Amino acid sequence: MSDMVSSAFGSLAMMTSVLVSPHGYYEYEAAHGTVQRHYYKHLKGEETSTNSIATIFAWTGALRKRGELDNIPELCTFADKLEKASLQTIEDGKMTKDLALITTLENPTVLNSQDFIKAIRATLEQM
């Protein structure tokens, strides 16, 4: 089902999910699971271009919730800024291969996994 829903997001790697138990416990996760093929390439020292947005947003969702539960507004603010930096990086044309294949932006910069995360960090630091 997540594969079908992800088509609305343009990429399964862009979709997160939030699980809430009847007791009010939260779990934030990337809906896509793991990318085993890329992990094995990484172990061999080969370059990968894994889109980490869903994982980043799972973390920001969890950090935001923790900030809400513990009344730490700075943590919520950080989560919001990290999400904005991630999206801004993509809107600026810096993205992983899966997004470059579907974007309408002209001449996107295709980044490997590590450089994509570094680009997000640079955007975050500029904010």
PDB file of N, CA and C in Angstrom:
ATOM      1  N   MET A   1       0.823  -1.190   0.000  1.00  0.00           N
ATOM      2  CA  MET A   1       0.000   0.000   0.000  1.00  0.00           C
ATOM      3  C   MET A   1       0.876   1.266   0.000  1.00  0.00           C
ATOM      4  N   SER A   2       1.971   1.222   0.757  1.00  0.00           N
ATOM      5  CA  SER A   2       2.817   2.414   0.816  1.00  0.00           C
ATOM      6  C   SER A   2       3.404   2.747  -0.548  1.00  0.00           C
ATOM      7  N   ASP A   3       3.690   1.736  -1.372  1.00  0.00           N
ATOM      8  CA  ASP A   3       4.200   1.995  -2.716  1.00  0.00           C
ATOM      9  C   ASP A   3       3.192   2.773  -3.546  1.00  0.00           C
ATOM     10  N   MET A   4       1.898   2.447  -3.399  1.00  0.00           N
ATOM     11  CA  MET A   4       0.864   3.160  -4.163  1.00  0.00           C
ATOM     12  C   MET A   4       0.709   4.591  -3.658  1.00  0.00           C
ATOM     13  N   VAL A   5       0.695   4.761  -2.349  1.00  0.00           N
ATOM     14  CA  VAL A   5       0.541   6.102  -1.779  1.00  0.00           C
ATOM     15  C   VAL A   5       1.749   6.970  -2.123  1.00  0.00           C
ATOM     16  N   SER A   6       2.919   6.356  -2.160  1.00  0.00           N
ATOM     17  CA  SER A   6       4.137   7.127  -2.409  1.00  0.00           C
ATOM     18  C   SER A   6       4.145   7.785  -3.777  1.00  0.00           C
ATOM     19  N   SER A   7       3.383   7.251  -4.710  1.00  0.00           N
ATOM     20  CA  SER A   7       3.348   7.865  -6.037  1.00  0.00           C
ATOM     21  C   SER A   7       2.844   9.300  -5.962  1.00  0.00           C
ATOM     22  N   ALA A   8       2.028   9.602  -4.956  1.00  0.00           N
ATOM     23  CA  ALA A   8       1.562  10.976  -4.764  1.00  0.00           C
ATOM     24  C   ALA A   8       2.694  11.878  -4.283  1.00  0.00           C
ATOM     25  N   PHE A   9       3.702  11.291  -3.664  1.00  0.00           N
ATOM     26  CA  PHE A   9       4.842  12.043  -3.160  1.00  0.00           C
ATOM     27  C   PHE A   9       5.947  12.132  -4.200  1.00  0.00           C
ATOM     28  N   GLY A  10       5.845  11.340  -5.251  1.00  0.00           N
ATOM     29  CA  GLY A  10       6.851  11.338  -6.289  1.00  0.00           C
ATOM     30  C   GLY A  10       7.943  10.316  -6.069  1.00  0.00           C
ATOM     31  N   SER A  11       8.094   9.879  -4.842  1.00  0.00           N
ATOM     32  CA  SER A  11       9.141   8.911  -4.534  1.00  0.00           C
ATOM     33  C   SER A  11       8.845   8.291  -3.187  1.00  0.00           C
ATOM     34  N   LEU A  12       8.984   6.973  -3.097  1.00  0.00           N
ATOM     35  CA  LEU A  12       8.806   6.303  -1.815  1.00  0.00           C
ATOM     36  C   LEU A  12       9.805   6.830  -0.794  1.00  0.00           C
ATOM     37  N   ALA A  13      10.953   7.266  -1.245  1.00  0.00           N
ATOM     38  CA  ALA A  13      11.987   7.778  -0.348  1.00  0.00           C
ATOM     39  C   ALA A  13      11.617   9.118   0.268  1.00  0.00           C
ATOM     40  N   MET A  14      10.483   9.686  -0.111  1.00  0.00           N
ATOM     41  CA  MET A  14      10.036  10.968   0.444  1.00  0.00           C
ATOM     42  C   MET A  14       8.920  10.791   1.478  1.00  0.00           C
ATOM     43  N   MET A  15       8.500   9.553   1.739  1.00  0.00           N
ATOM     44  CA  MET A  15       7.321   9.342   2.568  1.00  0.00           C
ATOM     45  C   MET A  15       7.688   8.774   3.937  1.00  0.00           C
ATOM     46  N   THR A  16       7.134   9.372   4.974  1.00  0.00           N
ATOM     47  CA  THR A  16       7.313   8.883   6.336  1.00  0.00           C
ATOM     48  C   THR A  16       5.987   8.357   6.853  1.00  0.00           C
ATOM     49  N   SER A  17       6.042   7.676   7.980  1.00  0.00           N
ATOM     50  CA  SER A  17       4.808   7.261   8.633  1.00  0.00           C
ATOM     51  C   SER A  17       4.971   7.456  10.132  1.00  0.00           C
ATOM     52  N   VAL A  18       3.849   7.635  10.793  1.00  0.00           N
ATOM     53  CA  VAL A  18       3.819   7.796  12.240  1.00  0.00           C
ATOM     54  C   VAL A  18       2.867   6.749  12.788  1.00  0.00           C
ATOM     55  N   LEU A  19       3.370   5.935  13.677  1.00  0.00           N
ATOM     56  CA  LEU A  19       2.552   4.921  14.316  1.00  0.00           C
ATOM     57  C   LEU A  19       2.255   5.387  15.742  1.00  0.00           C
ATOM     58  N   VAL A  20       0.995   5.308  16.147  1.00  0.00           N
ATOM     59  CA  VAL A  20       0.590   5.742  17.485  1.00  0.00           C
ATOM     60  C   VAL A  20      -0.134   4.580  18.153  1.00  0.00           C
ATOM     61  N   SER A  21       0.354   4.187  19.328  1.00  0.00           N
ATOM     62  CA  SER A  21      -0.262   3.076  20.040  1.00  0.00           C
ATOM     63  C   SER A  21      -1.489   3.573  20.813  1.00  0.00           C
ATOM     64  N   PRO A  22      -2.350   2.655  21.238  1.00  0.00           N
ATOM     65  CA  PRO A  22      -3.505   3.049  22.059  1.00  0.00           C
ATOM     66  C   PRO A  22      -3.084   3.718  23.374  1.00  0.00           C
ATOM     67  N   HIS A  23      -1.828   3.469  23.787  1.00  0.00           N
ATOM     68  CA  HIS A  23      -1.325   4.062  25.025  1.00  0.00           C
ATOM     69  C   HIS A  23      -0.663   5.423  24.799  1.00  0.00           C
ATOM     70  N   GLY A  24      -0.661   5.888  23.558  1.00  0.00           N
ATOM     71  CA  GLY A  24      -0.086   7.194  23.263  1.00  0.00           C
ATOM     72  C   GLY A  24       1.399   7.188  22.983  1.00  0.00           C
ATOM     73  N   TYR A  25       1.977   6.038  22.669  1.00  0.00           N
ATOM     74  CA  TYR A  25       3.387   5.965  22.279  1.00  0.00           C
ATOM     75  C   TYR A  25       3.497   6.225  20.780  1.00  0.00           C
ATOM     76  N   TYR A  26       4.547   6.927  20.395  1.00  0.00           N
ATOM     77  CA  TYR A  26       4.735   7.303  18.999  1.00  0.00           C
ATOM     78  C   TYR A  26       5.971   6.634  18.422  1.00  0.00           C
ATOM     79  N   GLU A  27       5.875   6.265  17.155  1.00  0.00           N
ATOM     80  CA  GLU A  27       7.034   5.786  16.419  1.00  0.00           C
ATOM     81  C   GLU A  27       7.030   6.454  15.059  1.00  0.00           C
ATOM     82  N   TYR A  28       8.128   7.117  14.748  1.00  0.00           N
ATOM     83  CA  TYR A  28       8.282   7.790  13.458  1.00  0.00           C
ATOM     84  C   TYR A  28       9.251   6.958  12.634  1.00  0.00           C
ATOM     85  N   GLU A  29       8.914   6.695  11.385  1.00  0.00           N
ATOM     86  CA  GLU A  29       9.781   5.878  10.558  1.00  0.00           C
ATOM     87  C   GLU A  29       9.686   6.298   9.097  1.00  0.00           C
ATOM     88  N   ALA A  30      10.726   5.946   8.363  1.00  0.00           N
ATOM     89  CA  ALA A  30      10.687   6.095   6.917  1.00  0.00           C
ATOM     90  C   ALA A  30       9.837   4.952   6.388  1.00  0.00           C
ATOM     91  N   ALA A  31       8.872   5.259   5.556  1.00  0.00           N
ATOM     92  CA  ALA A  31       7.936   4.235   5.084  1.00  0.00           C
ATOM     93  C   ALA A  31       8.595   3.212   4.179  1.00  0.00           C
ATOM     94  N   HIS A  32       9.737   3.552   3.604  1.00  0.00           N
ATOM     95  CA  HIS A  32      10.350   2.674   2.606  1.00  0.00           C
ATOM     96  C   HIS A  32      11.181   1.543   3.186  1.00  0.00           C
ATOM     97  N   GLY A  33      11.435   1.546   4.461  1.00  0.00           N
ATOM     98  CA  GLY A  33      12.290   0.502   5.014  1.00  0.00           C
ATOM     99  C   GLY A  33      13.746   0.773   4.678  1.00  0.00           C
ATOM    100  N   THR A  34      14.476  -0.262   4.357  1.00  0.00           N
ATOM    101  CA  THR A  34      15.903  -0.098   4.075  1.00  0.00           C
ATOM    102  C   THR A  34      16.178  -0.324   2.600  1.00  0.00           C
ATOM    103  N   VAL A  35      17.344   0.130   2.191  1.00  0.00           N
ATOM    104  CA  VAL A  35      17.769  -0.052   0.808  1.00  0.00           C
ATOM    105  C   VAL A  35      18.976  -0.984   0.856  1.00  0.00           C
ATOM    106  N   GLN A  36      18.706  -2.263   0.929  1.00  0.00           N
ATOM    107  CA  GLN A  36      19.744  -3.262   1.124  1.00  0.00           C
ATOM    108  C   GLN A  36      20.797  -3.227   0.017  1.00  0.00           C
ATOM    109  N   ARG A  37      20.341  -3.070  -1.202  1.00  0.00           N
ATOM    110  CA  ARG A  37      21.261  -3.048  -2.345  1.00  0.00           C
ATOM    111  C   ARG A  37      22.287  -1.915  -2.188  1.00  0.00           C
ATOM    112  N   HIS A  38      21.830  -0.743  -1.760  1.00  0.00           N
ATOM    113  CA  HIS A  38      22.741   0.387  -1.575  1.00  0.00           C
ATOM    114  C   HIS A  38      23.693   0.147  -0.410  1.00  0.00           C
ATOM    115  N   TYR A  39      23.200  -0.506   0.627  1.00  0.00           N
ATOM    116  CA  TYR A  39      24.053  -0.785   1.784  1.00  0.00           C
ATOM    117  C   TYR A  39      25.211  -1.694   1.386  1.00  0.00           C
ATOM    118  N   TYR A  40      24.924  -2.718   0.598  1.00  0.00           N
ATOM    119  CA  TYR A  40      25.982  -3.620   0.159  1.00  0.00           C
ATOM    120  C   TYR A  40      26.972  -2.900  -0.756  1.00  0.00           C
ATOM    121  N   LYS A  41      26.499  -1.990  -1.573  1.00  0.00           N
ATOM    122  CA  LYS A  41      27.409  -1.190  -2.402  1.00  0.00           C
ATOM    123  C   LYS A  41      28.305  -0.331  -1.509  1.00  0.00           C
ATOM    124  N   HIS A  42      27.709   0.265  -0.485  1.00  0.00           N
ATOM    125  CA  HIS A  42      28.450   1.098   0.457  1.00  0.00           C
ATOM    126  C   HIS A  42      29.542   0.277   1.140  1.00  0.00           C
ATOM    127  N   LEU A  43      29.226  -0.949   1.560  1.00  0.00           N
ATOM    128  CA  LEU A  43      30.212  -1.806   2.213  1.00  0.00           C
ATOM    129  C   LEU A  43      31.400  -2.115   1.311  1.00  0.00           C
ATOM    130  N   LYS A  44      31.146  -2.163  -0.007  1.00  0.00           N
ATOM    131  CA  LYS A  44      32.219  -2.419  -0.972  1.00  0.00           C
ATOM    132  C   LYS A  44      33.005  -1.148  -1.286  1.00  0.00           C
ATOM    133  N   GLY A  45      32.594  -0.019  -0.712  1.00  0.00           N
ATOM    134  CA  GLY A  45      33.263   1.241  -0.985  1.00  0.00           C
ATOM    135  C   GLY A  45      32.741   1.935  -2.224  1.00  0.00           C
ATOM    136  N   GLU A  46      31.644   1.429  -2.771  1.00  0.00           N
ATOM    137  CA  GLU A  46      31.053   2.031  -3.965  1.00  0.00           C
ATOM    138  C   GLU A  46      30.144   3.195  -3.574  1.00  0.00           C
ATOM    139  N   GLU A  47      29.997   4.118  -4.482  1.00  0.00           N
ATOM    140  CA  GLU A  47      29.161   5.294  -4.265  1.00  0.00           C
ATOM    141  C   GLU A  47      27.682   4.932  -4.401  1.00  0.00           C
ATOM    142  N   THR A  48      26.864   5.512  -3.538  1.00  0.00           N
ATOM    143  CA  THR A  48      25.409   5.319  -3.623  1.00  0.00           C
ATOM    144  C   THR A  48      24.730   6.683  -3.699  1.00  0.00           C
ATOM    145  N   SER A  49      23.505   6.673  -4.145  1.00  0.00           N
ATOM    146  CA  SER A  49      22.711   7.897  -4.209  1.00  0.00           C
ATOM    147  C   SER A  49      21.347   7.622  -3.576  1.00  0.00           C
ATOM    148  N   THR A  50      21.373   7.342  -2.293  1.00  0.00           N
ATOM    149  CA  THR A  50      20.160   7.025  -1.553  1.00  0.00           C
ATOM    150  C   THR A  50      19.511   8.307  -1.058  1.00  0.00           C
ATOM    151  N   ASN A  51      18.232   8.455  -1.324  1.00  0.00           N
ATOM    152  CA  ASN A  51      17.478   9.619  -0.880  1.00  0.00           C
ATOM    153  C   ASN A  51      17.158   9.446   0.604  1.00  0.00           C
ATOM    154  N   SER A  52      17.651  10.339   1.425  1.00  0.00           N
ATOM    155  CA  SER A  52      17.507  10.222   2.881  1.00  0.00           C
ATOM    156  C   SER A  52      16.400  11.098   3.455  1.00  0.00           C
ATOM    157  N   ILE A  53      15.577  11.712   2.613  1.00  0.00           N
ATOM    158  CA  ILE A  53      14.553  12.633   3.101  1.00  0.00           C
ATOM    159  C   ILE A  53      13.581  11.956   4.068  1.00  0.00           C
ATOM    160  N   ALA A  54      13.068  10.778   3.739  1.00  0.00           N
ATOM    161  CA  ALA A  54      12.104  10.121   4.625  1.00  0.00           C
ATOM    162  C   ALA A  54      12.723   9.818   5.983  1.00  0.00           C
ATOM    163  N   THR A  55      13.985   9.415   5.979  1.00  0.00           N
ATOM    164  CA  THR A  55      14.665   9.146   7.242  1.00  0.00           C
ATOM    165  C   THR A  55      14.857  10.431   8.037  1.00  0.00           C
ATOM    166  N   ILE A  56      15.268  11.499   7.364  1.00  0.00           N
ATOM    167  CA  ILE A  56      15.436  12.790   8.038  1.00  0.00           C
ATOM    168  C   ILE A  56      14.106  13.256   8.626  1.00  0.00           C
ATOM    169  N   PHE A  57      13.025  13.142   7.852  1.00  0.00           N
ATOM    170  CA  PHE A  57      11.729  13.592   8.342  1.00  0.00           C
ATOM    171  C   PHE A  57      11.178  12.697   9.451  1.00  0.00           C
ATOM    172  N   ALA A  58      11.544  11.415   9.448  1.00  0.00           N
ATOM    173  CA  ALA A  58      11.166  10.551  10.569  1.00  0.00           C
ATOM    174  C   ALA A  58      11.852  11.054  11.841  1.00  0.00           C
ATOM    175  N   TRP A  59      13.120  11.392  11.722  1.00  0.00           N
ATOM    176  CA  TRP A  59      13.845  11.921  12.876  1.00  0.00           C
ATOM    177  C   TRP A  59      13.291  13.275  13.322  1.00  0.00           C
ATOM    178  N   THR A  60      13.017  14.168  12.364  1.00  0.00           N
ATOM    179  CA  THR A  60      12.503  15.480  12.765  1.00  0.00           C
ATOM    180  C   THR A  60      11.130  15.351  13.410  1.00  0.00           C
ATOM    181  N   GLY A  61      10.314  14.425  12.927  1.00  0.00           N
ATOM    182  CA  GLY A  61       9.012  14.188  13.563  1.00  0.00           C
ATOM    183  C   GLY A  61       9.178  13.723  14.995  1.00  0.00           C
ATOM    184  N   ALA A  62      10.108  12.795  15.207  1.00  0.00           N
ATOM    185  CA  ALA A  62      10.354  12.290  16.563  1.00  0.00           C
ATOM    186  C   ALA A  62      10.943  13.383  17.456  1.00  0.00           C
ATOM    187  N   LEU A  63      11.876  14.161  16.923  1.00  0.00           N
ATOM    188  CA  LEU A  63      12.466  15.249  17.718  1.00  0.00           C
ATOM    189  C   LEU A  63      11.411  16.299  18.082  1.00  0.00           C
ATOM    190  N   ARG A  64      10.560  16.631  17.114  1.00  0.00           N
ATOM    191  CA  ARG A  64       9.503  17.607  17.379  1.00  0.00           C
ATOM    192  C   ARG A  64       8.563  17.098  18.479  1.00  0.00           C
ATOM    193  N   LYS A  65       8.170  15.833  18.388  1.00  0.00           N
ATOM    194  CA  LYS A  65       7.279  15.259  19.395  1.00  0.00           C
ATOM    195  C   LYS A  65       7.945  15.259  20.762  1.00  0.00           C
ATOM    196  N   ARG A  66       9.242  14.896  20.796  1.00  0.00           N
ATOM    197  CA  ARG A  66       9.970  14.916  22.072  1.00  0.00           C
ATOM    198  C   ARG A  66      10.004  16.345  22.629  1.00  0.00           C
ATOM    199  N   GLY A  67      10.217  17.328  21.756  1.00  0.00           N
ATOM    200  CA  GLY A  67      10.210  18.721  22.186  1.00  0.00           C
ATOM    201  C   GLY A  67       8.865  19.145  22.741  1.00  0.00           C
ATOM    202  N   GLU A  68       7.790  18.672  22.109  1.00  0.00           N
ATOM    203  CA  GLU A  68       6.444  18.975  22.606  1.00  0.00           C
ATOM    204  C   GLU A  68       6.206  18.316  23.966  1.00  0.00           C
ATOM    205  N   LEU A  69       6.560  17.042  24.093  1.00  0.00           N
ATOM    206  CA  LEU A  69       6.320  16.304  25.334  1.00  0.00           C
ATOM    207  C   LEU A  69       7.132  16.856  26.504  1.00  0.00           C
ATOM    208  N   ASP A  70       8.373  17.277  26.227  1.00  0.00           N
ATOM    209  CA  ASP A  70       9.267  17.767  27.282  1.00  0.00           C
ATOM    210  C   ASP A  70       9.289  19.287  27.375  1.00  0.00           C
ATOM    211  N   ASN A  71       8.428  19.947  26.591  1.00  0.00           N
ATOM    212  CA  ASN A  71       8.369  21.410  26.578  1.00  0.00           C
ATOM    213  C   ASN A  71       9.751  22.023  26.289  1.00  0.00           C
ATOM    214  N   ILE A  72      10.333  21.589  25.170  1.00  0.00           N
ATOM    215  CA  ILE A  72      11.629  22.121  24.720  1.00  0.00           C
ATOM    216  C   ILE A  72      11.397  22.768  23.350  1.00  0.00           C
ATOM    217  N   PRO A  73      10.983  24.033  23.322  1.00  0.00           N
ATOM    218  CA  PRO A  73      10.664  24.670  22.048  1.00  0.00           C
ATOM    219  C   PRO A  73      11.851  24.743  21.090  1.00  0.00           C
ATOM    220  N   GLU A  74      13.072  24.802  21.626  1.00  0.00           N
ATOM    221  CA  GLU A  74      14.260  24.849  20.774  1.00  0.00           C
ATOM    222  C   GLU A  74      14.394  23.573  19.936  1.00  0.00           C
ATOM    223  N   LEU A  75      13.994  22.446  20.498  1.00  0.00           N
ATOM    224  CA  LEU A  75      14.059  21.186  19.774  1.00  0.00           C
ATOM    225  C   LEU A  75      13.031  21.163  18.648  1.00  0.00           C
ATOM    226  N   CYS A  76      11.850  21.688  18.929  1.00  0.00           N
ATOM    227  CA  CYS A  76      10.825  21.796  17.878  1.00  0.00           C
ATOM    228  C   CYS A  76      11.294  22.725  16.762  1.00  0.00           C
ATOM    229  N   THR A  77      11.910  23.828  17.133  1.00  0.00           N
ATOM    230  CA  THR A  77      12.417  24.788  16.155  1.00  0.00           C
ATOM    231  C   THR A  77      13.499  24.156  15.288  1.00  0.00           C
ATOM    232  N   PHE A  78      14.397  23.394  15.917  1.00  0.00           N
ATOM    233  CA  PHE A  78      15.447  22.717  15.152  1.00  0.00           C
ATOM    234  C   PHE A  78      14.830  21.743  14.154  1.00  0.00           C
ATOM    235  N   ALA A  79      13.847  20.969  14.582  1.00  0.00           N
ATOM    236  CA  ALA A  79      13.196  20.007  13.683  1.00  0.00           C
ATOM    237  C   ALA A  79      12.572  20.729  12.493  1.00  0.00           C
ATOM    238  N   ASP A  80      11.898  21.835  12.767  1.00  0.00           N
ATOM    239  CA  ASP A  80      11.282  22.621  11.688  1.00  0.00           C
ATOM    240  C   ASP A  80      12.336  23.144  10.716  1.00  0.00           C
ATOM    241  N   LYS A  81      13.437  23.668  11.256  1.00  0.00           N
ATOM    242  CA  LYS A  81      14.498  24.214  10.398  1.00  0.00           C
ATOM    243  C   LYS A  81      15.162  23.131   9.555  1.00  0.00           C
ATOM    244  N   LEU A  82      15.371  21.953  10.131  1.00  0.00           N
ATOM    245  CA  LEU A  82      15.995  20.863   9.381  1.00  0.00           C
ATOM    246  C   LEU A  82      15.097  20.422   8.226  1.00  0.00           C
ATOM    247  N   GLU A  83      13.788  20.369   8.468  1.00  0.00           N
ATOM    248  CA  GLU A  83      12.857  20.028   7.386  1.00  0.00           C
ATOM    249  C   GLU A  83      12.883  21.086   6.290  1.00  0.00           C
ATOM    250  N   LYS A  84      12.859  22.355   6.689  1.00  0.00           N
ATOM    251  CA  LYS A  84      12.901  23.434   5.700  1.00  0.00           C
ATOM    252  C   LYS A  84      14.199  23.415   4.913  1.00  0.00           C
ATOM    253  N   ALA A  85      15.315  23.149   5.584  1.00  0.00           N
ATOM    254  CA  ALA A  85      16.614  23.081   4.905  1.00  0.00           C
ATOM    255  C   ALA A  85      16.646  21.921   3.912  1.00  0.00           C
ATOM    256  N   SER A  86      16.053  20.811   4.287  1.00  0.00           N
ATOM    257  CA  SER A  86      16.015  19.645   3.400  1.00  0.00           C
ATOM    258  C   SER A  86      15.235  19.960   2.132  1.00  0.00           C
ATOM    259  N   LEU A  87      14.069  20.542   2.300  1.00  0.00           N
ATOM    260  CA  LEU A  87      13.243  20.884   1.144  1.00  0.00           C
ATOM    261  C   LEU A  87      13.882  21.981   0.304  1.00  0.00           C
ATOM    262  N   GLN A  88      14.495  22.965   0.969  1.00  0.00           N
ATOM    263  CA  GLN A  88      15.138  24.058   0.242  1.00  0.00           C
ATOM    264  C   GLN A  88      16.298  23.542  -0.607  1.00  0.00           C
ATOM    265  N   THR A  89      17.025  22.579  -0.081  1.00  0.00           N
ATOM    266  CA  THR A  89      18.140  21.993  -0.827  1.00  0.00           C
ATOM    267  C   THR A  89      17.640  21.387  -2.138  1.00  0.00           C
ATOM    268  N   ILE A  90      16.538  20.661  -2.052  1.00  0.00           N
ATOM    269  CA  ILE A  90      15.960  20.056  -3.255  1.00  0.00           C
ATOM    270  C   ILE A  90      15.434  21.136  -4.196  1.00  0.00           C
ATOM    271  N   GLU A  91      14.737  22.123  -3.644  1.00  0.00           N
ATOM    272  CA  GLU A  91      14.206  23.204  -4.478  1.00  0.00           C
ATOM    273  C   GLU A  91      15.320  24.001  -5.145  1.00  0.00           C
ATOM    274  N   ASP A  92      16.499  24.018  -4.522  1.00  0.00           N
ATOM    275  CA  ASP A  92      17.659  24.693  -5.114  1.00  0.00           C
ATOM    276  C   ASP A  92      18.321  23.845  -6.199  1.00  0.00           C
ATOM    277  N   GLY A  93      17.772  22.643  -6.433  1.00  0.00           N
ATOM    278  CA  GLY A  93      18.280  21.804  -7.516  1.00  0.00           C
ATOM    279  C   GLY A  93      19.330  20.799  -7.114  1.00  0.00           C
ATOM    280  N   LYS A  94      19.580  20.632  -5.822  1.00  0.00           N
ATOM    281  CA  LYS A  94      20.557  19.649  -5.338  1.00  0.00           C
ATOM    282  C   LYS A  94      19.782  18.461  -4.789  1.00  0.00           C
ATOM    283  N   MET A  95      19.970  17.287  -5.423  1.00  0.00           N
ATOM    284  CA  MET A  95      19.139  16.144  -5.046  1.00  0.00           C
ATOM    285  C   MET A  95      19.800  14.828  -5.424  1.00  0.00           C
ATOM    286  N   THR A  96      19.200  13.756  -4.938  1.00  0.00           N
ATOM    287  CA  THR A  96      19.658  12.414  -5.283  1.00  0.00           C
ATOM    288  C   THR A  96      19.068  12.016  -6.630  1.00  0.00           C
ATOM    289  N   LYS A  97      19.615  10.940  -7.183  1.00  0.00           N
ATOM    290  CA  LYS A  97      19.273  10.514  -8.542  1.00  0.00           C
ATOM    291  C   LYS A  97      17.775  10.246  -8.722  1.00  0.00           C
ATOM    292  N   ASP A  98      17.126   9.624  -7.717  1.00  0.00           N
ATOM    293  CA  ASP A  98      15.701   9.299  -7.858  1.00  0.00           C
ATOM    294  C   ASP A  98      14.855  10.548  -8.084  1.00  0.00           C
ATOM    295  N   LEU A  99      15.215  11.638  -7.414  1.00  0.00           N
ATOM    296  CA  LEU A  99      14.470  12.889  -7.588  1.00  0.00           C
ATOM    297  C   LEU A  99      14.852  13.592  -8.887  1.00  0.00           C
ATOM    298  N   ALA A 100      16.126  13.510  -9.248  1.00  0.00           N
ATOM    299  CA  ALA A 100      16.568  14.149 -10.487  1.00  0.00           C
ATOM    300  C   ALA A 100      15.848  13.563 -11.698  1.00  0.00           C
ATOM    301  N   LEU A 101      15.498  12.294 -11.610  1.00  0.00           N
ATOM    302  CA  LEU A 101      14.807  11.641 -12.721  1.00  0.00           C
ATOM    303  C   LEU A 101      13.364  12.118 -12.890  1.00  0.00           C
ATOM    304  N   ILE A 102      12.776  12.685 -11.836  1.00  0.00           N
ATOM    305  CA  ILE A 102      11.363  13.093 -11.917  1.00  0.00           C
ATOM    306  C   ILE A 102      11.141  14.599 -11.765  1.00  0.00           C
ATOM    307  N   THR A 103      12.198  15.351 -11.528  1.00  0.00           N
ATOM    308  CA  THR A 103      12.024  16.790 -11.300  1.00  0.00           C
ATOM    309  C   THR A 103      11.710  17.536 -12.594  1.00  0.00           C
ATOM    310  N   THR A 104      11.054  18.665 -12.435  1.00  0.00           N
ATOM    311  CA  THR A 104      10.827  19.562 -13.565  1.00  0.00           C
ATOM    312  C   THR A 104      11.868  20.683 -13.581  1.00  0.00           C
ATOM    313  N   LEU A 105      12.739  20.705 -12.575  1.00  0.00           N
ATOM    314  CA  LEU A 105      13.809  21.703 -12.545  1.00  0.00           C
ATOM    315  C   LEU A 105      14.807  21.397 -13.644  1.00  0.00           C
ATOM    316  N   GLU A 106      15.311  22.439 -14.268  1.00  0.00           N
ATOM    317  CA  GLU A 106      16.310  22.246 -15.319  1.00  0.00           C
ATOM    318  C   GLU A 106      17.690  22.064 -14.700  1.00  0.00           C
ATOM    319  N   ASN A 107      18.438  21.118 -15.234  1.00  0.00           N
ATOM    320  CA  ASN A 107      19.827  20.872 -14.845  1.00  0.00           C
ATOM    321  C   ASN A 107      20.028  20.687 -13.339  1.00  0.00           C
ATOM    322  N   PRO A 108      19.318  19.747 -12.724  1.00  0.00           N
ATOM    323  CA  PRO A 108      19.546  19.520 -11.296  1.00  0.00           C
ATOM    324  C   PRO A 108      20.943  18.947 -11.059  1.00  0.00           C
ATOM    325  N   THR A 109      21.469  19.216  -9.898  1.00  0.00           N
ATOM    326  CA  THR A 109      22.745  18.642  -9.500  1.00  0.00           C
ATOM    327  C   THR A 109      22.465  17.321  -8.798  1.00  0.00           C
ATOM    328  N   VAL A 110      22.928  16.224  -9.400  1.00  0.00           N
ATOM    329  CA  VAL A 110      22.710  14.903  -8.828  1.00  0.00           C
ATOM    330  C   VAL A 110      23.837  14.604  -7.843  1.00  0.00           C
ATOM    331  N   LEU A 111      23.450  14.354  -6.600  1.00  0.00           N
ATOM    332  CA  LEU A 111      24.430  14.119  -5.540  1.00  0.00           C
ATOM    333  C   LEU A 111      24.367  12.689  -5.034  1.00  0.00           C
ATOM    334  N   ASN A 112      25.496  12.187  -4.587  1.00  0.00           N
ATOM    335  CA  ASN A 112      25.480  10.891  -3.931  1.00  0.00           C
ATOM    336  C   ASN A 112      24.928  11.078  -2.517  1.00  0.00           C
ATOM    337  N   SER A 113      24.762  10.002  -1.799  1.00  0.00           N
ATOM    338  CA  SER A 113      24.138  10.051  -0.474  1.00  0.00           C
ATOM    339  C   SER A 113      24.845  11.014   0.471  1.00  0.00           C
ATOM    340  N   GLN A 114      26.154  10.872   0.564  1.00  0.00           N
ATOM    341  CA  GLN A 114      26.924  11.687   1.498  1.00  0.00           C
ATOM    342  C   GLN A 114      26.889  13.170   1.120  1.00  0.00           C
ATOM    343  N   ASP A 115      27.058  13.473  -0.152  1.00  0.00           N
ATOM    344  CA  ASP A 115      27.057  14.871  -0.579  1.00  0.00           C
ATOM    345  C   ASP A 115      25.678  15.510  -0.440  1.00  0.00           C
ATOM    346  N   PHE A 116      24.624  14.712  -0.585  1.00  0.00           N
ATOM    347  CA  PHE A 116      23.269  15.231  -0.395  1.00  0.00           C
ATOM    348  C   PHE A 116      23.067  15.664   1.055  1.00  0.00           C
ATOM    349  N   ILE A 117      23.503  14.837   1.980  1.00  0.00           N
ATOM    350  CA  ILE A 117      23.379  15.188   3.398  1.00  0.00           C
ATOM    351  C   ILE A 117      24.241  16.404   3.724  1.00  0.00           C
ATOM    352  N   LYS A 118      25.423  16.470   3.138  1.00  0.00           N
ATOM    353  CA  LYS A 118      26.285  17.644   3.350  1.00  0.00           C
ATOM    354  C   LYS A 118      25.642  18.907   2.779  1.00  0.00           C
ATOM    355  N   ALA A 119      24.952  18.788   1.645  1.00  0.00           N
ATOM    356  CA  ALA A 119      24.273  19.946   1.052  1.00  0.00           C
ATOM    357  C   ALA A 119      23.143  20.424   1.964  1.00  0.00           C
ATOM    358  N   ILE A 120      22.424  19.487   2.550  1.00  0.00           N
ATOM    359  CA  ILE A 120      21.363  19.856   3.503  1.00  0.00           C
ATOM    360  C   ILE A 120      21.974  20.565   4.703  1.00  0.00           C
ATOM    361  N   ARG A 121      23.090  20.045   5.187  1.00  0.00           N
ATOM    362  CA  ARG A 121      23.750  20.680   6.312  1.00  0.00           C
ATOM    363  C   ARG A 121      24.159  22.117   5.975  1.00  0.00           C
ATOM    364  N   ALA A 122      24.714  22.312   4.792  1.00  0.00           N
ATOM    365  CA  ALA A 122      25.137  23.651   4.380  1.00  0.00           C
ATOM    366  C   ALA A 122      23.939  24.597   4.324  1.00  0.00           C
ATOM    367  N   THR A 123      22.822  24.118   3.794  1.00  0.00           N
ATOM    368  CA  THR A 123      21.616  24.945   3.751  1.00  0.00           C
ATOM    369  C   THR A 123      21.152  25.272   5.160  1.00  0.00           C
ATOM    370  N   LEU A 124      21.162  24.277   6.044  1.00  0.00           N
ATOM    371  CA  LEU A 124      20.754  24.491   7.437  1.00  0.00           C
ATOM    372  C   LEU A 124      21.645  25.529   8.119  1.00  0.00           C
ATOM    373  N   GLU A 125      22.938  25.437   7.893  1.00  0.00           N
ATOM    374  CA  GLU A 125      23.864  26.375   8.515  1.00  0.00           C
ATOM    375  C   GLU A 125      23.657  27.795   7.996  1.00  0.00           C
ATOM    376  N   GLN A 126      23.211  27.931   6.742  1.00  0.00           N
ATOM    377  CA  GLN A 126      22.948  29.268   6.189  1.00  0.00           C
ATOM    378  C   GLN A 126      21.672  29.867   6.776  1.00  0.00           C
ATOM    379  N   MET A 127      20.800  29.027   7.277  1.00  0.00           N
ATOM    380  CA  MET A 127      19.550  29.525   7.867  1.00  0.00           C
ATOM    381  C   MET A 127      19.855  30.111   9.236  1.00  0.00           C
TER     382      MET A 127
END
